[in-house]
Protein backbone atom coordinates (compact mmCIF):
# COMPACT_ATOMS: atom_id res chain seq x y z
CA MET A 1 0.27 -0.11 0.22
CA LYS A 2 0.92 3.62 0.05
CA LEU A 3 1.23 6.05 2.53
CA SER A 4 -0.68 8.65 1.03
CA GLU A 5 -3.74 5.49 0.47
CA ILE A 6 -3.82 4.68 4.34
CA GLU A 7 -3.61 8.75 5.55
CA ASP A 8 -6.56 9.48 3.29
CA ILE A 9 -8.59 6.19 4.83
CA ALA A 10 -7.62 7.02 8.25
CA LYS A 11 -8.53 10.70 7.49
CA THR A 12 -12.26 9.98 5.94
CA GLN A 13 -13.14 7.10 8.52
CA LYS A 14 -12.11 9.63 11.06
CA GLU A 15 -14.93 11.79 10.06
CA MET A 16 -17.36 9.64 9.23
CA LEU A 17 -17.03 8.50 13.07
CA LEU A 18 -17.11 11.83 14.78
CA VAL A 19 -20.58 13.30 12.39
CA SER A 20 -21.62 8.92 13.08
CA ASP A 21 -24.57 9.25 16.17
CA SER A 22 -23.34 8.46 19.54
CA GLY A 23 -26.20 6.26 20.10
CA PHE A 24 -27.89 4.95 23.12
CA ARG A 25 -25.77 5.25 26.16
CA ARG A 26 -24.40 1.30 27.02
CA GLU A 27 -23.86 0.22 30.81
CA THR A 28 -20.65 -1.09 30.03
CA LEU A 29 -19.33 2.45 29.72
CA ASP A 30 -19.11 3.20 33.41
CA PHE A 31 -16.72 0.50 33.70
CA LEU A 32 -13.82 1.06 31.15
CA PRO A 33 -10.99 1.62 32.58
CA ASN A 34 -8.60 4.78 31.95
CA LEU A 35 -5.48 3.89 30.12
CA GLU A 36 -2.28 3.99 30.83
CA SER A 37 0.61 1.46 29.73
CA HIS A 38 -1.94 -1.07 28.61
CA ALA A 39 -3.91 -1.49 26.05
CA LEU A 40 -7.90 -1.56 26.40
CA ILE A 41 -9.41 -4.41 24.58
CA ILE A 42 -13.57 -4.38 23.46
CA SER A 43 -14.28 -7.77 22.00
CA GLY A 44 -17.45 -8.82 21.77
CA ILE A 45 -20.14 -10.28 18.35
CA ARG A 46 -20.57 -8.32 15.21
CA ARG A 47 -23.46 -5.46 15.72
CA CYS A 48 -23.45 -5.34 18.84
CA GLY A 49 -22.11 -1.74 19.27
CA LYS A 50 -18.71 -1.92 19.95
CA SER A 51 -17.53 0.99 17.62
CA THR A 52 -20.68 2.77 19.27
CA LEU A 53 -19.30 2.15 22.81
CA LEU A 54 -16.04 3.77 22.07
CA HIS A 55 -17.51 6.30 20.48
CA GLN A 56 -19.19 7.18 23.38
CA TYR A 57 -15.75 6.71 25.53
CA LEU A 58 -14.24 8.73 23.76
CA GLN A 59 -16.50 11.76 24.06
CA GLN A 60 -16.30 11.06 27.52
CA LYS A 61 -12.39 11.42 27.20
CA ASN A 62 -12.83 14.62 25.35
CA GLU A 63 -9.09 13.69 24.09
CA ASP A 64 -8.22 13.88 20.48
CA PHE A 65 -6.89 10.16 18.81
CA PHE A 66 -6.36 8.60 16.09
CA TYR A 67 -8.82 6.25 13.97
CA LEU A 68 -8.71 2.97 11.80
CA HIS A 69 -11.33 0.42 10.99
CA PHE A 70 -9.13 -2.57 9.72
CA GLU A 71 -12.41 -4.31 7.84
CA ASP A 72 -12.25 -1.23 5.48
CA VAL A 73 -12.33 -2.38 1.32
CA ARG A 74 -9.89 -0.06 0.82
CA LEU A 75 -7.43 -1.61 3.34
CA TYR A 76 -7.88 -5.32 1.88
CA ASP A 77 -4.28 -4.97 0.62
CA PHE A 78 -2.68 -4.42 4.15
CA GLN A 79 -0.03 -6.42 5.13
CA ILE A 80 2.50 -6.77 8.20
CA LYS A 81 5.13 -4.88 6.43
CA ASP A 82 2.93 -1.70 6.32
CA PHE A 83 2.23 -1.28 9.50
CA VAL A 84 5.50 0.88 8.63
CA LEU A 85 4.23 2.73 6.60
CA LEU A 86 0.82 3.27 9.26
CA ASP A 87 3.36 4.57 11.86
CA LYS A 88 4.58 7.14 9.89
CA VAL A 89 1.12 8.18 8.99
CA ILE A 90 0.20 8.27 13.18
CA GLU A 91 3.54 10.20 13.29
CA ARG A 92 2.08 12.74 11.31
CA SER A 93 -1.19 12.78 13.01
CA GLU A 94 0.71 13.93 16.21
CA GLN A 95 -1.90 11.84 17.57
CA LYS A 96 -0.85 9.06 21.26
CA LEU A 97 -4.54 7.52 21.59
CA LEU A 98 -4.99 5.13 18.68
CA PHE A 99 -7.93 3.44 18.39
CA PHE A 100 -7.72 -0.03 16.30
CA ASP A 101 -11.49 -1.56 14.85
CA GLU A 102 -10.99 -5.29 13.86
CA ILE A 103 -7.45 -5.49 13.64
CA GLN A 104 -7.38 -8.99 14.42
CA SER A 105 -7.29 -9.81 10.96
CA ILE A 106 -4.22 -8.23 9.93
CA LYS A 107 -1.38 -10.89 10.89
CA GLY A 108 1.09 -9.69 13.21
CA TRP A 109 -1.05 -7.09 14.90
CA GLU A 110 0.05 -8.31 18.68
CA LEU A 111 3.52 -7.91 18.29
CA TYR A 112 3.10 -3.99 16.59
CA ILE A 113 0.66 -3.10 19.63
CA ARG A 114 3.28 -4.24 21.48
CA GLN A 115 5.56 -1.71 20.37
CA LYS A 116 3.05 1.21 20.14
CA LEU A 117 2.55 0.64 23.90
CA ASP A 118 6.49 0.41 24.32
CA GLN A 119 6.42 3.59 22.61
CA HIS A 120 4.00 5.09 25.62
CA PHE A 121 0.70 5.38 22.87
CA LYS A 122 -2.23 5.06 24.43
CA VAL A 123 -3.97 1.75 22.23
CA ILE A 124 -7.80 0.69 22.21
CA ILE A 125 -8.89 -1.95 20.01
CA THR A 126 -11.80 -4.23 19.31
CA GLY A 127 -12.72 -7.12 17.74
CA SER A 128 -15.57 -9.86 16.69
CA ASN A 129 -13.56 -12.45 17.33
CA ALA A 130 -12.43 -14.20 21.09
CA SER A 131 -9.64 -15.25 19.84
CA LEU A 132 -8.44 -11.25 20.85
CA LEU A 133 -8.73 -12.66 24.93
CA SER A 134 -6.84 -15.56 24.14
CA ARG A 135 -3.57 -16.87 26.40
CA GLU A 136 -1.82 -16.23 23.25
CA LEU A 137 -2.38 -12.27 22.76
CA GLY A 138 -1.60 -12.30 26.59
CA THR A 139 1.87 -14.05 25.86
CA LYS A 140 3.02 -11.72 23.41
CA LEU A 141 1.69 -8.53 25.18
CA THR A 142 2.93 -9.98 28.35
CA GLY A 143 -0.12 -8.87 30.24
CA ARG A 144 -0.13 -5.66 28.92
CA HIS A 145 -4.04 -5.31 28.22
CA ILE A 146 -7.41 -5.05 29.83
CA THR A 147 -9.64 -7.04 28.58
CA LYS A 148 -13.82 -6.04 28.23
CA GLU A 149 -16.49 -7.94 26.34
CA LEU A 150 -19.70 -6.44 25.14
CA PHE A 151 -22.85 -7.83 24.49
CA PRO A 152 -26.24 -6.94 23.03
CA PHE A 153 -28.69 -4.77 25.04
CA SER A 154 -29.05 -5.94 28.59
CA PHE A 155 -32.70 -6.26 29.34
CA ASN A 156 -32.51 -3.00 31.50
CA GLU A 157 -31.02 -0.92 28.51
CA PHE A 158 -33.48 -2.70 26.14
CA VAL A 159 -36.64 -1.19 28.58
CA ALA A 160 -34.98 1.47 28.46
CA PHE A 161 -34.44 1.79 24.75
CA LYS A 162 -37.70 0.85 24.38
CA ASN A 163 -39.39 3.66 26.84
CA LEU A 164 -41.18 0.49 28.68
CA ILE A 165 -40.79 -0.68 32.66
CA PRO A 166 -39.73 -3.89 33.74
CA SER A 167 -42.49 -6.16 33.65
CA LEU A 168 -44.24 -9.85 32.78
CA GLU A 169 -45.29 -7.89 28.97
CA SER A 170 -41.52 -6.49 28.72
CA LEU A 171 -39.56 -9.52 29.43
CA GLU A 172 -41.73 -11.11 26.55
CA LYS A 173 -40.88 -8.40 23.99
CA TYR A 174 -37.02 -8.71 25.52
CA MET A 175 -37.36 -12.65 24.32
CA HIS A 176 -38.95 -12.08 21.08
CA ILE A 177 -36.73 -9.31 19.91
CA GLY A 178 -33.52 -9.81 21.90
CA GLY A 179 -30.68 -7.03 22.29
CA PHE A 180 -29.26 -6.21 18.85
CA PRO A 181 -29.20 -2.56 18.77
CA GLU A 182 -29.82 -2.14 15.19
CA PHE A 183 -33.19 -4.81 15.56
CA VAL A 184 -34.25 -3.12 18.24
CA LYS A 185 -34.50 0.12 16.60
CA ASN A 186 -36.31 -0.98 13.67
CA GLU A 187 -37.44 -4.85 14.14
CA ASN A 188 -36.94 -5.99 10.64
CA PRO A 189 -36.11 -9.96 10.60
CA GLU A 190 -33.43 -9.06 7.60
CA THR A 191 -31.30 -7.51 9.86
CA LEU A 192 -30.69 -10.44 11.69
CA LYS A 193 -30.60 -12.66 9.14
CA MET A 194 -28.21 -11.09 7.47
CA LEU A 195 -25.90 -10.69 10.43
CA ILE A 196 -25.77 -14.64 11.01
CA ASP A 197 -24.61 -14.68 7.07
CA ASP A 198 -22.17 -12.17 7.69
CA ILE A 199 -21.01 -13.94 10.63
CA LEU A 200 -20.80 -17.32 8.82
CA TYR A 201 -19.08 -16.14 5.94
CA ARG A 202 -16.80 -13.49 7.03
CA ASP A 203 -15.50 -14.85 10.42
CA ILE A 204 -15.90 -18.60 10.05
CA ALA A 205 -16.15 -19.49 6.52
CA VAL A 206 -13.16 -16.99 4.82
CA ARG A 207 -11.06 -17.02 7.99
CA TYR A 208 -11.05 -20.90 8.58
CA GLY A 209 -11.26 -22.18 4.80
CA ILE A 210 -14.06 -23.39 4.91
CA LYS A 211 -15.94 -24.19 1.50
CA ASP A 212 -18.76 -26.27 2.53
CA VAL A 213 -20.46 -23.71 4.41
CA SER A 214 -23.61 -25.66 4.07
CA SER A 215 -23.07 -28.12 6.42
CA VAL A 216 -21.31 -25.43 9.04
CA LYS A 217 -25.54 -23.45 8.54
CA ARG A 218 -27.17 -26.83 9.34
CA LEU A 219 -25.36 -27.10 12.48
CA LEU A 220 -25.68 -23.84 13.97
CA SER A 221 -29.56 -24.06 12.94
CA TYR A 222 -29.83 -27.52 15.23
CA LEU A 223 -28.05 -25.54 17.89
CA PHE A 224 -30.05 -22.35 18.39
CA PHE A 225 -33.20 -24.72 17.73
CA ASN A 226 -31.76 -26.29 20.72
CA ALA A 227 -30.88 -24.45 23.09
CA ALA A 228 -30.19 -24.38 26.47
CA LYS A 229 -30.14 -28.38 26.45
CA LEU A 230 -27.17 -30.53 26.44
CA THR A 231 -25.33 -31.15 23.41
CA SER A 232 -22.75 -33.84 22.44
CA PRO A 233 -20.38 -33.16 19.36
CA SER A 234 -20.33 -37.24 18.86
CA LYS A 235 -24.24 -37.04 18.16
CA LEU A 236 -23.95 -34.72 15.90
CA THR A 237 -22.50 -35.69 13.05
CA ASP A 238 -25.12 -36.32 10.72
CA VAL A 239 -26.81 -33.18 11.36
CA ALA A 240 -23.91 -31.23 9.99
CA GLY A 241 -23.63 -33.79 7.22
CA VAL A 242 -19.88 -34.54 8.17
CA LYS A 243 -17.64 -37.39 8.78
CA SER A 244 -15.72 -36.91 11.98
CA SER A 245 -16.97 -35.51 15.46
CA THR A 246 -13.75 -33.45 15.81
CA THR A 247 -14.73 -31.58 12.78
CA VAL A 248 -18.31 -30.87 14.69
CA LEU A 249 -15.94 -30.11 17.71
CA GLU A 250 -14.05 -27.62 15.27
CA TYR A 251 -17.46 -25.97 13.85
CA PHE A 252 -18.32 -25.38 17.45
CA SER A 253 -15.00 -23.66 18.29
CA TYR A 254 -15.37 -21.79 15.43
CA PHE A 255 -18.94 -20.44 16.77
CA GLU A 256 -17.57 -20.05 20.27
CA ASN A 257 -14.78 -17.48 18.75
CA SER A 258 -17.52 -15.73 17.31
CA TYR A 259 -20.02 -15.41 20.23
CA LEU A 260 -22.75 -16.71 18.20
CA ILE A 261 -22.92 -19.85 21.30
CA SER A 262 -21.53 -20.50 24.58
CA LEU A 263 -20.82 -24.22 26.42
CA LEU A 264 -21.93 -24.57 29.55
CA PRO A 265 -19.98 -27.37 31.02
CA LYS A 266 -20.65 -29.78 34.08
CA PHE A 267 -19.23 -28.68 37.35
CA SER A 268 -16.53 -31.41 38.70
CA TYR A 269 -13.59 -31.61 41.04
CA SER A 270 -12.03 -33.20 37.84
CA ALA A 271 -11.23 -31.54 35.21
CA LYS A 272 -11.15 -35.33 33.37
CA SER A 273 -15.02 -35.45 34.60
CA GLN A 274 -15.52 -31.98 33.25
CA MET A 275 -14.02 -32.27 29.74
CA LEU A 276 -16.29 -36.07 28.81
CA SER A 277 -19.28 -34.71 30.42
CA PRO A 278 -21.67 -33.28 27.76
CA LYS A 279 -22.35 -29.73 27.53
CA LYS A 280 -25.07 -26.94 27.73
CA VAL A 281 -25.22 -25.20 24.78
CA TYR A 282 -26.69 -21.65 25.05
CA VAL A 283 -26.72 -18.96 22.49
CA SER A 284 -26.07 -15.03 22.49
CA ASP A 285 -28.83 -13.62 22.17
CA MET A 286 -32.41 -14.30 22.11
CA GLY A 287 -33.26 -12.45 18.22
CA LEU A 288 -30.80 -15.50 16.62
CA ILE A 289 -32.33 -18.05 17.92
CA ARG A 290 -35.80 -17.06 16.04
CA ALA A 291 -33.45 -15.33 13.08
CA GLY A 292 -31.63 -18.96 12.89
CA ALA A 293 -33.70 -21.82 13.61
CA ILE A 294 -37.10 -23.12 12.00
CA LEU A 295 -39.02 -23.22 15.96
CA LEU A 296 -41.71 -25.79 15.53
CA THR A 297 -43.07 -24.86 19.42
CA GLU A 298 -42.55 -21.93 21.25
CA ASN A 299 -40.95 -23.61 24.66
CA TYR A 300 -40.55 -20.46 26.91
CA GLY A 301 -39.09 -22.47 29.80
CA TYR A 302 -36.11 -23.37 27.57
CA PHE A 303 -35.90 -19.17 26.20
CA LEU A 304 -35.78 -17.86 29.46
CA GLU A 305 -32.86 -20.54 30.61
CA ASN A 306 -31.17 -18.95 28.01
CA MET A 307 -31.88 -15.41 28.52
CA ILE A 308 -30.76 -15.88 32.35
CA PHE A 309 -27.22 -17.45 31.19
CA VAL A 310 -26.73 -14.54 28.95
CA HIS A 311 -27.43 -12.30 31.61
CA LEU A 312 -25.08 -14.38 33.79
CA ARG A 313 -22.74 -14.30 31.25
CA ARG A 314 -22.13 -10.74 31.25
CA GLN A 315 -21.00 -10.52 34.87
CA THR A 316 -18.94 -13.95 34.76
CA LYS A 317 -17.21 -16.67 32.73
CA GLU A 318 -17.03 -18.71 36.20
CA LEU A 319 -20.75 -20.60 35.01
CA PHE A 320 -21.38 -24.51 35.52
CA TYR A 321 -24.57 -26.13 35.36
CA PHE A 322 -25.12 -29.10 38.87
CA ASN A 323 -25.95 -32.72 37.92
CA GLU A 324 -26.03 -35.28 40.55
CA ASN A 325 -28.21 -38.60 40.75
CA ASN A 326 -29.93 -37.38 37.21
CA ARG A 327 -31.45 -33.84 38.97
CA ASP A 328 -30.59 -30.44 37.22
CA CYS A 329 -29.28 -27.59 39.18
CA ASP A 330 -29.40 -24.73 36.10
CA PHE A 331 -26.84 -22.66 37.29
CA VAL A 332 -23.87 -22.79 39.71
CA GLN A 333 -22.33 -19.15 39.90
CA PHE A 334 -18.60 -18.68 41.02
CA GLU A 335 -16.87 -15.71 42.25
CA ASN A 336 -13.05 -16.43 42.07
CA GLY A 337 -13.04 -20.33 42.19
CA LYS A 338 -15.81 -20.18 44.91
CA ALA A 339 -19.63 -21.04 44.32
CA LYS A 340 -21.55 -17.65 45.03
CA ASN A 341 -25.27 -18.64 43.62
CA LEU A 342 -27.36 -21.76 43.05
CA LEU A 343 -29.94 -20.92 40.60
CA GLN A 344 -32.98 -23.18 38.78
CA VAL A 345 -34.92 -21.82 36.10
CA CYS A 346 -38.51 -22.46 34.75
CA TRP A 347 -40.88 -19.92 32.88
CA GLU A 348 -43.79 -21.35 35.94
CA LEU A 349 -43.41 -23.39 39.12
CA ASN A 350 -45.87 -25.77 39.13
CA HIS A 351 -47.66 -29.13 40.36
CA ASP A 352 -46.42 -30.70 37.34
CA ASN A 353 -42.72 -29.99 37.61
CA GLU A 354 -42.25 -28.36 41.27
CA GLU A 355 -40.88 -31.46 42.33
CA ARG A 356 -38.07 -31.72 40.01
CA GLU A 357 -37.21 -28.14 40.25
CA ILE A 358 -36.79 -27.96 43.69
CA ASN A 359 -35.19 -31.19 44.63
CA GLY A 360 -32.53 -30.16 41.98
CA LEU A 361 -32.07 -27.25 43.03
CA LEU A 362 -31.60 -28.68 47.02
CA ASP A 363 -29.78 -31.75 45.81
CA ALA A 364 -27.11 -28.62 44.83
CA MET A 365 -27.56 -26.45 48.03
CA ASN A 366 -27.05 -29.59 50.25
CA TYR A 367 -23.67 -30.54 47.83
CA PHE A 368 -22.60 -27.16 48.63
CA LYS A 369 -23.68 -26.41 51.82
CA PHE A 370 -25.81 -23.27 50.60
CA THR A 371 -29.28 -22.66 53.33
CA LYS A 372 -30.59 -20.43 50.40
CA GLY A 373 -31.07 -20.58 46.33
CA THR A 374 -33.35 -19.56 43.75
CA ILE A 375 -35.65 -20.26 40.66
CA ILE A 376 -36.32 -18.06 38.41
CA THR A 377 -40.01 -18.28 36.71
CA ALA A 378 -41.72 -15.34 34.84
CA ASN A 379 -43.77 -13.93 36.91
CA GLN A 380 -43.87 -15.94 40.15
CA GLN A 381 -42.61 -14.51 43.47
CA ASP A 382 -42.47 -16.88 46.57
CA THR A 383 -40.57 -18.07 49.61
CA ILE A 384 -40.13 -22.04 50.10
CA TYR A 385 -38.61 -23.80 52.98
CA HIS A 386 -37.56 -27.17 53.24
CA GLY A 387 -35.73 -27.76 56.88
CA ASN A 388 -33.25 -24.59 57.51
CA LEU A 389 -33.18 -24.49 53.48
CA GLU A 390 -34.48 -21.56 52.29
CA ILE A 391 -35.73 -20.78 48.48
CA GLU A 392 -36.67 -17.74 46.76
CA VAL A 393 -39.06 -17.95 43.38
CA VAL A 394 -38.48 -14.55 42.00
CA PRO A 395 -39.70 -13.13 38.88
CA ALA A 396 -36.75 -13.39 36.19
CA TRP A 397 -38.04 -9.71 35.16
CA ARG A 398 -37.40 -8.80 38.45
CA PHE A 399 -33.89 -10.94 38.49
CA LEU A 400 -32.89 -8.99 35.75
CA GLU A 401 -33.56 -5.49 36.83
CA MET A 402 -31.89 -6.02 40.39
CA SER A 403 -29.04 -8.52 39.67
């Protein structure tokens, strides 16, 4: 590339960013740290609002910056050798705060960022692939990065954007629409279908050299349809139309890296048992389930469980499901390696399911020696006592609002 090309692209990109709408204020903005000697990395699924968040962050800091979005088609030929030219463009700009969008698509970017940190630049990076948070990144940046994940709108952000109040009605709206900002705004079904295709082709097929995209799409649709259920790669080869469960496992990792799904492991003190046990699959946003799966029935119980998982995942990665004697507790939430909360989820607690739901939670409470546990339902509120053990039944819309 030519120096003048990079300079012109950076100039026009920054001009477009500055005149764009800064959008709805995100909750995550309050938790972004001040930059000193570390790179700030914001990672999350495409179209969840990363660039908007950083726009808001930069407005709040009121500091001039250099900006370059590497997925611009004009930067298609950018290679590692062109970082020398980028250095000269940055030098001419006289900016010390650097903002790079989707830089992970360029080979060798980690070493370049480390160089800029060594030169005392402040660096902000956004990207749509979880490899930004990988162990390899930590090695190459020698621990000099702070990572934050951004998700689509939370329930609180959704009701604020829609001018609603937390209630069963707004919970059901959130369950149907999800939290992708653009879709929340226009509710055009094509928005999410195009997003799924964009991720499948750009982030998965092209990045990993997959020619048979149809097999990937079939597997993803199946996982969307089976959100909040146990899954086993060895049983999904026919679904994906592939011969090996190893290929299915690879597809799973691609979906996770692109933030389409999360896999929840079974709790066990044995790492081997945890690895070999089936995992539960959850979809990163409720809107994707409806856009990407053929739903023959509306299973509100599984939908609610998926929604609660995403809410918990915003707070921590230390999450497990618990199973003992074929009785389940949906979520064991840890903090710093210690169990913090035990949560069971069902749409409605009734005579048909209360024994199963309560006993699954009680088993987990006894195992972890908890005296309190929680059952989250759509709209019920109650307290259940079992000896000296207490179970609080809370409406999901209140749980999402308060926790």
